[in-house]
């Protein structure tokens, strides 16, 4: 198996697994399929895969439990498949270590595209360390932008930290609201946009020539943590 191209699909619905396998194989990936969480754990312990696609609803254990167990011995990228509509499922998946999620029904081409993005992001972070625009002090949790420490409000800090967890990932406004403002009482449908605006102003005050926070119309926001030459 090509170590950079092996993907494990953990999905108990065979038709879904077959469609995904075909789409990913067409992209050049080597795909293996498991229907049970226990079997998948054994495969992941004994083999190298570049990425795992986990269904939330498995017959022997939940995809969330599988992810938690997997994270005890591996940092393999994880993409969740979920048929549930509740935002809490998406939040749980991200909080326990998933890189992304796709809700059923989905386009196999979209899944393949998300896989490419996750693997490209992981590959770009595996080389020698470069100086990125954003740096976070692990002890103080203060964030610096282009060597300038940012003076942020509580929610600006939480918002920027969330975007920095997965650079390049598009976060929907509703998901950001649930992740960051779930316990806040005084919010509106413009809360995310307002904080993005104030964050951008503070970043522009430091660097006028770059725009790290990207707006995806009708979708949400993503962040680029680039490097200076």
Protein backbone atom coordinates (compact mmCIF):
# COMPACT_ATOMS: atom_id res chain seq x y z
CA UNK A 1 0.00 0.00 0.00
CA UNK A 2 1.31 3.48 -0.89
CA UNK A 3 1.84 5.05 2.54
CA UNK A 4 0.71 8.46 1.32
CA UNK A 5 -2.37 7.15 -0.50
CA UNK A 6 -3.97 4.63 1.86
CA UNK A 7 -7.45 5.50 3.10
CA UNK A 8 -9.60 3.46 5.46
CA UNK A 9 -13.38 3.85 5.18
CA UNK A 10 -15.28 2.72 8.30
CA UNK A 11 -18.90 2.55 7.19
CA UNK A 12 -21.53 -0.15 7.81
CA UNK A 13 -23.68 0.75 4.79
CA UNK A 14 -22.05 -1.09 1.90
CA UNK A 15 -23.57 1.00 -0.94
CA UNK A 16 -22.19 4.20 0.62
CA UNK A 17 -18.78 2.61 1.12
CA UNK A 18 -18.71 1.37 -2.46
CA UNK A 19 -19.56 4.82 -3.88
CA UNK A 20 -16.87 6.45 -1.74
CA UNK A 21 -14.34 3.77 -2.61
CA UNK A 22 -14.94 4.29 -6.31
CA UNK A 23 -14.64 8.09 -6.05
CA UNK A 24 -11.42 7.92 -4.01
CA UNK A 25 -9.90 5.14 -6.13
CA UNK A 26 -10.53 7.28 -9.20
CA UNK A 27 -8.42 9.96 -7.52
CA UNK A 28 -5.55 7.51 -7.14
CA UNK A 29 -6.05 6.50 -3.49
CA UNK A 30 -5.74 2.94 -2.22
CA UNK A 31 -8.97 2.31 -0.32
CA UNK A 32 -9.79 -0.31 2.30
CA UNK A 33 -13.23 -0.78 3.86
CA UNK A 34 -14.28 -1.93 7.30
CA UNK A 35 -17.84 -2.23 8.61
CA UNK A 36 -17.06 -2.37 12.34
CA UNK A 37 -15.19 -0.11 14.74
CA UNK A 38 -13.35 -2.94 16.47
CA UNK A 39 -12.01 -4.33 13.22
CA UNK A 40 -11.05 -0.82 12.10
CA UNK A 41 -9.00 -0.27 15.27
CA UNK A 42 -7.02 -3.43 14.57
CA UNK A 43 -6.38 -2.35 10.99
CA UNK A 44 -5.28 1.10 12.14
CA UNK A 45 -2.96 -0.34 14.80
CA UNK A 46 -1.30 -2.75 12.40
CA UNK A 47 -1.17 -0.75 9.16
CA UNK A 48 -0.28 2.73 7.97
CA UNK A 49 -3.10 4.79 6.48
CA UNK A 50 -2.90 8.40 5.33
CA UNK A 51 -6.48 9.17 6.45
CA UNK A 52 -9.56 7.53 8.02
CA UNK A 53 -13.18 8.23 7.09
CA UNK A 54 -15.46 7.32 10.00
CA UNK A 55 -19.22 6.96 10.02
CA UNK A 56 -20.74 8.24 13.27
CA UNK A 57 -23.26 5.39 13.49
CA UNK A 58 -21.51 2.01 13.53
CA UNK A 59 -23.06 -1.29 14.72
CA UNK A 60 -20.56 -2.09 17.49
CA UNK A 61 -19.45 1.37 18.69
CA UNK A 62 -20.03 5.00 17.78
CA UNK A 63 -17.68 6.76 15.43
CA UNK A 64 -16.99 9.21 18.27
CA UNK A 65 -15.82 6.38 20.56
CA UNK A 66 -13.71 5.00 17.73
CA UNK A 67 -12.13 8.42 17.22
CA UNK A 68 -11.34 8.77 20.94
CA UNK A 69 -9.71 5.34 21.01
CA UNK A 70 -7.80 6.06 17.81
CA UNK A 71 -6.49 9.34 19.18
CA UNK A 72 -4.88 7.42 22.08
CA UNK A 73 -2.29 5.97 19.69
CA UNK A 74 -2.47 7.84 16.39
CA UNK A 75 -2.73 11.37 14.99
CA UNK A 76 -4.03 10.17 11.61
CA UNK A 77 -6.33 12.73 9.90
CA UNK A 78 -10.01 11.89 10.42
CA UNK A 79 -13.05 12.84 8.35
CA UNK A 80 -16.47 12.11 9.88
CA UNK A 81 -19.58 11.05 7.96
CA UNK A 82 -22.80 11.83 9.78
CA UNK A 83 -26.49 11.59 8.90
CA UNK A 84 -27.47 13.59 11.98
CA UNK A 85 -28.65 17.19 11.67
CA UNK A 86 -27.85 18.34 15.21
CA UNK A 87 -24.94 20.80 15.30
CA UNK A 88 -23.76 19.21 18.55
CA UNK A 89 -22.55 16.15 16.61
CA UNK A 90 -20.32 18.34 14.46
CA UNK A 91 -18.97 20.11 17.53
CA UNK A 92 -18.21 16.82 19.32
CA UNK A 93 -16.41 15.50 16.26
CA UNK A 94 -14.14 18.54 16.03
CA UNK A 95 -13.51 18.70 19.77
CA UNK A 96 -12.36 15.07 20.04
CA UNK A 97 -9.87 15.38 17.22
CA UNK A 98 -11.54 15.15 13.80
CA UNK A 99 -10.18 17.26 10.96
CA UNK A 100 -13.48 17.71 9.12
CA UNK A 101 -16.96 16.26 8.64
CA UNK A 102 -19.48 15.73 5.85
CA UNK A 103 -23.22 15.37 6.41
CA UNK A 104 -25.27 12.73 4.58
CA UNK A 105 -26.44 12.84 1.88
CA UNK A 106 -23.21 14.06 0.32
CA UNK A 107 -21.46 14.25 -3.02
CA UNK A 108 -18.64 11.70 -3.38
CA UNK A 109 -16.71 14.37 -5.28
CA UNK A 110 -17.05 16.69 -2.29
CA UNK A 111 -15.66 14.00 0.03
CA UNK A 112 -12.73 13.43 -2.35
CA UNK A 113 -12.08 17.17 -2.45
CA UNK A 114 -12.11 17.42 1.35
CA UNK A 115 -9.72 14.47 1.58
CA UNK A 116 -7.31 16.24 -0.80
CA UNK A 117 -7.45 19.43 1.28
CA UNK A 118 -6.84 17.59 4.57
CA UNK A 119 -3.89 15.61 3.19
CA UNK A 120 -2.40 18.67 1.49
CA UNK A 121 -2.68 20.58 4.76
CA UNK A 122 -1.05 17.74 6.68
CA UNK A 123 1.79 17.44 4.14
CA UNK A 124 2.49 21.19 4.23
CA UNK A 125 2.88 21.03 7.99
CA UNK A 126 5.20 18.02 8.02
CA UNK A 127 8.33 19.71 6.68
CA UNK A 128 10.81 21.93 8.46
CA UNK A 129 9.34 24.60 10.71
CA UNK A 130 8.86 28.02 9.16
CA UNK A 131 7.84 31.30 10.70
CA UNK A 132 4.11 31.63 10.21
CA UNK A 133 2.10 34.84 10.35
CA UNK A 134 0.34 33.63 13.49
CA UNK A 135 2.17 32.15 16.48
CA UNK A 136 0.56 31.14 19.78
CA UNK A 137 2.43 30.97 23.07
CA UNK A 138 1.60 27.57 24.55
CA UNK A 139 1.95 28.86 28.13
CA UNK A 140 0.18 32.23 27.99
CA UNK A 141 -2.09 31.42 25.00
CA UNK A 142 -1.36 34.92 23.67
CA UNK A 143 -1.39 35.09 19.88
CA UNK A 144 1.15 37.05 17.84
CA UNK A 145 0.68 38.19 14.26
CA UNK A 146 3.83 38.92 12.25
CA UNK A 147 5.85 39.15 15.49
CA UNK A 148 3.35 41.57 17.06
CA UNK A 149 1.39 40.39 20.09
CA UNK A 150 -2.34 40.93 19.54
CA UNK A 151 -4.53 42.72 22.05
CA UNK A 152 -7.79 40.77 21.74
CA UNK A 153 -11.09 40.62 23.55
CA UNK A 154 -12.18 37.27 24.95
CA UNK A 155 -14.36 36.35 21.98
CA UNK A 156 -11.88 37.64 19.41
CA UNK A 157 -9.29 35.38 21.04
CA UNK A 158 -11.60 32.35 21.01
CA UNK A 159 -12.61 32.99 17.40
CA UNK A 160 -9.03 33.34 16.20
CA UNK A 161 -7.94 30.25 18.15
CA UNK A 162 -10.72 28.23 16.51
CA UNK A 163 -9.79 29.37 13.00
CA UNK A 164 -6.13 28.62 13.70
CA UNK A 165 -6.90 25.02 14.72
CA UNK A 166 -7.52 24.07 11.09
CA UNK A 167 -6.09 26.65 8.66
CA UNK A 168 -7.88 26.50 5.33
CA UNK A 169 -11.01 24.87 6.73
CA UNK A 170 -14.26 26.74 6.04
CA UNK A 171 -16.23 27.30 9.24
CA UNK A 172 -19.94 27.97 8.85
CA UNK A 173 -21.30 30.90 10.86
CA UNK A 174 -23.73 28.67 12.74
CA UNK A 175 -20.94 26.30 13.74
CA UNK A 176 -18.75 29.16 14.97
CA UNK A 177 -21.69 30.44 17.01
CA UNK A 178 -22.13 27.03 18.64
CA UNK A 179 -18.41 26.55 19.26
CA UNK A 180 -17.66 29.98 20.69
CA UNK A 181 -20.86 31.71 21.80
CA UNK A 182 -22.89 28.73 23.01
CA UNK A 183 -22.99 30.09 26.59
CA UNK A 184 -23.31 33.78 25.69
CA UNK A 185 -26.66 35.45 26.35
CA UNK A 186 -26.35 38.62 24.28
CA UNK A 187 -25.80 37.50 20.68
CA UNK A 188 -27.34 38.13 17.27
CA UNK A 189 -27.09 36.72 13.77
CA UNK A 190 -24.36 39.30 13.07
CA UNK A 191 -22.17 38.35 16.02
CA UNK A 192 -19.65 36.34 14.00
CA UNK A 193 -19.43 38.95 11.22
CA UNK A 194 -18.90 41.75 13.76
CA UNK A 195 -16.02 39.95 15.45
CA UNK A 196 -14.46 39.03 12.11
CA UNK A 197 -14.57 42.72 11.19
CA UNK A 198 -12.83 43.83 14.39
CA UNK A 199 -10.23 41.08 14.05
CA UNK A 200 -9.47 42.13 10.49
CA UNK A 201 -9.05 45.74 11.58
CA UNK A 202 -6.48 44.74 14.22
CA UNK A 203 -4.58 42.58 11.71
CA UNK A 204 -4.64 45.35 9.08
CA UNK A 205 -3.17 47.75 11.64
CA UNK A 206 -0.10 45.47 11.70
CA UNK A 207 0.06 44.35 8.05
CA UNK A 208 -1.82 46.12 5.26
CA UNK A 209 -0.52 43.85 2.52
CA UNK A 210 -2.05 40.51 3.56
CA UNK A 211 -5.58 39.26 4.27
CA UNK A 212 -5.40 36.11 6.43
CA UNK A 213 -9.16 35.77 7.05
CA UNK A 214 -11.09 34.75 3.95
CA UNK A 215 -14.83 35.20 3.45
CA UNK A 216 -16.62 32.41 1.57
CA UNK A 217 -19.96 33.92 0.57
CA UNK A 218 -22.93 31.86 1.65
CA UNK A 219 -20.64 29.46 3.52
CA UNK A 220 -18.51 31.08 6.23
CA UNK A 221 -14.89 31.94 6.97
CA UNK A 222 -11.47 30.36 6.77
CA UNK A 223 -7.99 31.46 7.79
CA UNK A 224 -4.64 31.24 6.02
CA UNK A 225 -1.59 31.02 8.27
CA UNK A 226 1.01 31.84 5.68
CA UNK A 227 4.74 32.35 5.97
CA UNK A 228 6.99 35.23 5.03
CA UNK A 229 9.83 34.55 2.67
